[in-house]
Protein backbone atom coordinates (compact mmCIF):
# COMPACT_ATOMS: atom_id res chain seq x y z
CA MET A 1 -3.37 3.92 24.56
CA HIS A 2 -3.00 4.90 20.96
CA ALA A 3 -4.74 8.05 20.15
CA SER A 4 -6.61 6.50 17.39
CA GLU A 5 -7.80 3.59 19.49
CA PHE A 6 -8.86 5.98 22.45
CA VAL A 7 -10.94 7.83 19.93
CA TYR A 8 -12.57 4.72 18.52
CA THR A 9 -12.97 2.67 21.67
CA ALA A 10 -13.93 5.53 24.07
CA LEU A 11 -14.99 8.87 22.71
CA LEU A 12 -16.61 7.58 19.55
CA LYS A 13 -17.76 4.27 20.96
CA PRO A 14 -21.36 4.77 19.83
CA ARG A 15 -21.49 3.71 16.19
CA ILE A 16 -23.63 6.72 15.12
CA LEU A 17 -20.98 9.20 16.58
CA ARG A 18 -18.24 7.25 14.91
CA ARG A 19 -19.92 7.36 11.49
CA ALA A 20 -20.64 11.09 11.83
CA ALA A 21 -16.99 11.86 12.87
CA ASN A 22 -15.52 9.84 10.02
CA ALA A 23 -17.81 11.59 7.44
CA VAL A 24 -16.77 15.04 8.67
CA ILE A 25 -13.05 14.16 8.61
CA LYS A 26 -13.20 12.55 5.19
CA PHE A 27 -14.97 15.62 3.80
CA LEU A 28 -12.23 17.85 5.12
CA LEU A 29 -9.35 15.75 3.68
CA PRO A 30 -7.18 17.21 0.94
CA LYS A 31 -5.36 15.03 -1.50
CA THR A 32 -1.93 15.80 -0.03
CA VAL A 33 -0.46 17.41 3.05
CA THR A 34 3.09 18.84 3.56
CA VAL A 35 5.48 17.92 6.33
CA GLY A 36 8.37 20.36 6.05
CA ASP A 37 9.20 20.14 2.39
CA ALA A 38 7.60 16.72 1.88
CA ILE A 39 4.46 16.25 -0.06
CA ILE A 40 2.56 13.34 1.56
CA TRP A 41 -0.48 11.73 -0.36
CA ILE A 42 -3.03 10.66 2.14
CA ASN A 43 -5.75 8.01 1.89
CA PRO A 44 -9.19 9.64 1.50
CA ASN A 45 -10.86 6.56 3.04
CA ASP A 46 -8.73 6.75 6.28
CA PRO A 47 -10.18 9.22 8.78
CA VAL A 48 -7.60 8.29 11.42
CA VAL A 49 -4.15 8.51 9.95
CA SER A 50 -5.11 10.76 7.24
CA GLY A 51 -7.19 12.98 9.63
CA ALA A 52 -4.20 13.11 12.12
CA LEU A 53 -1.89 14.21 9.25
CA ARG A 54 -4.48 16.69 8.00
CA PHE A 55 -4.69 18.46 11.37
CA ARG A 56 -1.00 18.03 12.11
CA VAL A 57 -1.24 16.03 15.30
CA TYR A 58 0.38 12.77 13.88
CA GLU A 59 3.62 11.60 15.42
CA ARG A 60 4.98 15.04 16.04
CA SER A 61 7.77 14.00 18.36
CA GLU A 62 8.79 11.11 16.06
CA ILE A 63 8.83 13.36 13.00
CA SER A 64 10.90 15.99 14.81
CA PHE A 65 13.48 13.31 15.95
CA PHE A 66 13.63 11.65 12.52
CA ARG A 67 14.28 15.04 10.79
CA SER A 68 16.99 16.00 13.33
CA ARG A 69 18.96 12.76 12.89
CA LEU A 70 18.55 12.07 9.14
CA MET A 71 21.79 12.37 7.21
CA SER A 72 22.08 12.79 3.52
CA ASP A 73 23.96 9.49 2.90
CA MET A 74 21.89 7.32 5.09
CA THR A 75 20.27 4.01 4.18
CA LEU A 76 16.71 4.14 5.73
CA ILE A 77 14.52 1.23 6.08
CA ASP A 78 10.90 2.23 6.65
CA VAL A 79 9.00 -0.79 8.01
CA GLY A 80 5.21 -0.25 8.03
CA ALA A 81 5.63 2.69 5.60
CA ASN A 82 1.82 3.29 5.19
CA VAL A 83 1.38 6.24 2.79
CA GLY A 84 5.17 7.08 3.02
CA LEU A 85 5.44 9.80 5.64
CA TYR A 86 9.00 9.01 6.71
CA THR A 87 10.12 7.94 3.14
CA GLY A 88 8.68 11.24 1.86
CA VAL A 89 10.46 13.31 4.42
CA ALA A 90 13.76 11.57 3.63
CA LEU A 91 13.36 12.03 -0.21
CA SER A 92 12.40 15.67 0.14
CA THR A 93 15.44 16.47 2.32
CA LYS A 94 17.83 18.78 0.50
CA GLY A 95 20.85 16.85 -0.70
CA PHE A 96 19.67 13.39 0.23
CA ASN A 97 21.51 10.78 -1.82
CA GLY A 98 21.07 7.69 0.25
CA VAL A 99 18.84 4.64 -0.10
CA VAL A 100 15.24 4.19 1.12
CA LEU A 101 13.73 0.64 1.44
CA ALA A 102 10.01 1.10 2.10
CA LEU A 103 8.05 -2.02 3.16
CA GLU A 104 4.10 -1.93 3.10
CA PRO A 105 2.25 -5.09 2.52
CA HIS A 106 -1.13 -3.30 2.53
CA ARG A 107 -2.10 -2.72 -1.16
CA GLU A 108 -4.29 0.24 -0.55
CA SER A 109 -1.61 2.23 1.55
CA ARG A 110 1.05 1.21 -0.95
CA GLU A 111 -0.70 3.09 -3.73
CA PHE A 112 -0.46 6.26 -1.77
CA LEU A 113 3.17 5.44 -0.81
CA GLN A 114 3.99 5.26 -4.56
CA ARG A 115 2.43 8.61 -5.13
CA THR A 116 4.36 10.10 -2.15
CA ILE A 117 7.45 8.88 -3.57
CA ALA A 118 6.75 10.23 -7.14
CA SER A 119 5.92 13.62 -5.76
CA ASN A 120 9.13 13.96 -3.71
CA ARG A 121 11.28 12.43 -6.53
CA VAL A 122 10.50 15.47 -8.73
CA THR A 123 12.83 17.57 -6.58
CA ASN A 124 15.25 14.81 -5.59
CA GLN A 125 16.51 12.50 -8.26
CA GLN A 126 19.59 11.26 -6.34
CA GLY A 127 18.41 9.06 -3.65
CA LYS A 128 17.42 5.41 -4.41
CA VAL A 129 14.14 4.15 -3.53
CA ILE A 130 12.91 0.41 -3.24
CA VAL A 131 9.37 -0.41 -2.40
CA SER A 132 8.55 -3.97 -1.15
CA ASP A 133 4.97 -5.48 -0.57
CA VAL A 134 6.49 -8.18 1.66
CA ALA A 135 5.91 -7.94 5.41
CA ALA A 136 9.12 -8.05 7.40
CA SER A 137 9.18 -10.88 10.00
CA ASP A 138 11.35 -13.47 11.68
CA ARG A 139 10.90 -16.02 8.91
CA ALA A 140 9.89 -16.37 5.20
CA GLY A 141 6.51 -17.65 4.38
CA SER A 142 3.02 -16.11 4.82
CA ALA A 143 0.72 -14.68 7.41
CA THR A 144 -2.91 -13.64 7.92
CA PHE A 145 -3.08 -9.99 7.77
CA TYR A 146 -5.95 -8.55 9.73
CA LYS A 147 -7.07 -5.07 8.60
CA ASN A 148 -8.98 -2.15 10.12
CA SER A 149 -11.27 -0.63 7.36
CA GLN A 150 -11.54 2.71 9.33
CA ASN A 151 -7.86 2.98 10.31
CA LYS A 152 -5.40 1.93 7.65
CA GLY A 153 -2.49 2.32 9.99
CA ASP A 154 -3.89 -0.34 12.42
CA ASN A 155 -3.29 -3.52 10.38
CA ARG A 156 -1.99 -6.44 12.47
CA ILE A 157 -0.90 -10.11 12.28
CA TYR A 158 -3.41 -11.09 15.00
CA PRO A 159 -7.22 -10.79 15.27
CA ASP A 160 -8.82 -8.03 17.31
CA PRO A 161 -12.39 -6.67 17.52
CA LEU A 162 -11.33 -3.41 15.77
CA LEU A 163 -10.24 -5.43 12.73
CA ASP A 164 -12.86 -6.29 10.25
CA GLU A 165 -11.06 -7.51 7.14
CA GLU A 166 -8.34 -9.91 6.38
CA GLU A 167 -6.15 -11.43 3.64
CA VAL A 168 -2.98 -13.63 3.33
CA ILE A 169 0.35 -11.79 2.75
CA ALA A 170 3.94 -12.79 2.14
CA THR A 171 6.51 -12.48 4.87
CA ASP A 172 10.28 -12.53 4.85
CA THR A 173 13.23 -11.45 7.00
CA LEU A 174 14.86 -8.13 6.55
CA ASP A 175 18.14 -10.00 6.34
CA ASN A 176 16.77 -11.76 3.17
CA ILE A 177 14.99 -8.67 1.78
CA CYS A 178 18.13 -6.53 2.18
CA GLN A 179 20.40 -9.18 0.53
CA GLN A 180 18.01 -9.31 -2.37
CA HIS A 181 18.28 -5.54 -2.95
CA GLY A 182 22.02 -5.33 -2.29
CA ILE A 183 21.68 -3.53 1.10
CA ASP A 184 24.60 -4.50 3.43
CA SER A 185 23.87 -2.25 6.43
CA VAL A 186 21.38 0.41 7.71
CA GLN A 187 21.80 3.64 9.43
CA PHE A 188 18.09 4.28 10.36
CA LEU A 189 15.68 1.68 10.92
CA LYS A 190 11.92 2.85 11.62
CA ILE A 191 9.45 0.16 12.61
CA ASP A 192 5.78 0.60 13.36
CA VAL A 193 3.96 -2.59 12.82
CA GLN A 194 1.40 -2.81 15.65
CA GLY A 195 3.17 -5.36 17.93
CA ALA A 196 5.22 -7.25 15.25
CA GLU A 197 8.27 -5.15 15.99
CA ALA A 198 10.18 -7.96 17.77
CA LYS A 199 9.69 -10.28 14.82
CA VAL A 200 11.11 -7.69 12.55
CA VAL A 201 14.25 -7.33 14.61
CA GLY A 202 14.45 -11.06 15.04
CA GLY A 203 14.65 -11.34 11.24
CA ALA A 204 17.34 -8.63 10.93
CA ALA A 205 20.00 -9.83 13.29
CA ARG A 206 22.59 -10.23 10.63
CA LEU A 207 21.91 -6.87 9.07
CA LEU A 208 22.00 -5.01 12.45
CA GLN A 209 25.19 -6.82 13.42
CA ARG A 210 26.82 -5.42 10.37
CA SER A 211 25.52 -1.91 10.95
CA ALA A 212 28.14 -0.27 13.17
CA ASP A 213 26.33 3.05 13.27
CA CYS A 214 22.68 2.84 13.44
CA ILE A 215 19.44 4.43 14.85
CA VAL A 216 16.34 2.29 15.53
CA MET A 217 13.01 4.15 16.11
CA THR A 218 10.37 1.65 17.03
CA GLU A 219 6.92 1.66 18.66
CA PHE A 220 6.95 -0.28 21.95
CA TRP A 221 3.67 -1.76 22.77
CA PRO A 222 3.78 -4.72 25.12
CA TYR A 223 0.16 -5.78 24.51
CA GLY A 224 0.84 -5.92 20.82
CA LEU A 225 4.09 -7.68 21.21
CA SER A 226 2.40 -10.38 23.31
CA ARG A 227 -0.52 -10.79 20.88
CA SER A 228 2.03 -11.23 18.04
CA GLY A 229 3.80 -14.02 20.07
CA SER A 230 6.62 -11.98 21.44
CA ASP A 231 7.86 -10.98 24.88
CA ALA A 232 8.34 -7.31 25.61
CA LEU A 233 11.40 -7.70 27.93
CA ALA A 234 12.94 -10.16 25.55
CA TYR A 235 12.50 -7.60 22.75
CA LEU A 236 14.34 -4.90 24.73
CA GLU A 237 17.16 -7.38 25.62
CA SER A 238 17.59 -8.43 22.01
CA LEU A 239 18.22 -4.77 21.08
CA GLY A 240 20.76 -4.54 23.74
CA ARG A 241 22.57 -7.65 22.60
CA LEU A 242 22.72 -6.07 19.06
CA GLY A 243 24.60 -3.22 20.58
CA PHE A 244 21.95 -0.53 20.95
CA ARG A 245 21.66 1.80 23.94
CA LEU A 246 17.95 2.29 24.59
CA TYR A 247 16.13 5.53 25.14
CA GLU A 248 12.46 6.62 25.52
CA LEU A 249 11.38 9.38 23.13
CA ARG A 250 9.11 11.46 25.23
CA SER A 251 7.91 15.02 24.58
CA GLY A 252 10.61 15.68 22.05
CA SER A 253 13.53 14.47 24.16
CA ILE A 254 15.32 11.06 24.36
CA LEU A 255 15.62 9.80 27.90
CA PRO A 256 18.02 6.91 28.90
CA LEU A 257 16.07 3.73 29.50
CA ASP A 258 17.26 2.86 33.00
CA SER A 259 14.62 0.30 33.93
CA PRO A 260 13.21 -1.80 31.09
CA ARG A 261 10.68 -3.39 33.58
CA ALA A 262 9.55 0.01 34.67
CA LEU A 263 8.86 0.92 31.05
CA ILE A 264 6.98 -2.25 30.51
CA SER A 265 4.93 -1.69 33.66
CA LYS A 266 3.74 1.78 32.35
CA THR A 267 2.81 0.60 29.00
CA GLN A 268 0.33 -2.10 29.86
CA GLY A 269 -3.03 -2.40 27.95
CA ARG A 270 -3.44 0.17 25.24
CA ASN A 271 -0.50 2.36 26.46
CA TYR A 272 2.64 2.55 24.41
CA ALA A 273 6.02 4.32 24.15
CA ASN A 274 8.29 5.39 21.45
CA LEU A 275 11.61 3.55 21.75
CA ILE A 276 14.94 4.71 20.33
CA GLY A 277 17.96 2.56 20.01
CA LEU A 278 21.40 4.25 19.25
CA LYS A 279 24.51 2.50 18.21
CA GLY A 280 28.05 3.56 17.31
CA LYS A 281 28.66 7.22 16.46
CA PHE A 282 24.91 8.05 16.84
CA CYS A 283 25.15 6.91 20.53
CA GLU A 284 28.30 8.97 20.99
CA ASN A 285 27.02 12.14 19.44
CA ARG A 286 23.48 11.97 20.65
CA ALA A 287 21.69 15.26 21.48
CA GLN A 288 19.50 15.54 24.68
């Protein structure tokens, strides 16, 4: 189960407790937090993601893995960038002169993403940054975007009782988006889109085939994948066909994924895992 969903669906299920907790967290939120050398602007109206960043409990294993694998000349694609955590970490890294493509269709989050970029560009003028408001998917078109007013990181392409707002957004494939911006290959692809990860990869087949050396860091949530119209096992198999060796990121270590079905079995319902795909030199030189 996602930590945020556990808090909202279990511990804070009574509405009065939820409102009280949100009010306290919002009161304690600063305008920015630091992650290493990165300055991250946080959304004062988001007690979940912003609160987790404020109290330094947000995606600690993922951040550690990302920082340990980031190289100065990488092309990073940040799908579901939110307020720009990973984009900001990359831009703040000393000597970074690569390319960052940050995709965030949620207008409110994108405003803070832009602030994060601006703050970290002050000390790093070399890296190129592109921001897109299009949602990466397996086809060009549009989709209904269901939003959680209390958790700005929990926006989805399917309805759910936790989601209380909606709008129509533009979609396109990463293949098309990257071609438009002159990106031929990617060395680090981070995807966190609440179950739409398979659609993102499905629309990036050409890009990933051209990317001989690549790292994929993706949330793996079978429930969300199914609600988005995808199959969990087919998603894992598609990454394998694209040349990735798969690992589970757990407690700061990456463990070989020996049994995809076992991973699916243990991530039912609200449970999820962090999936790592390594290809080319990143697979050969991986650290345990």
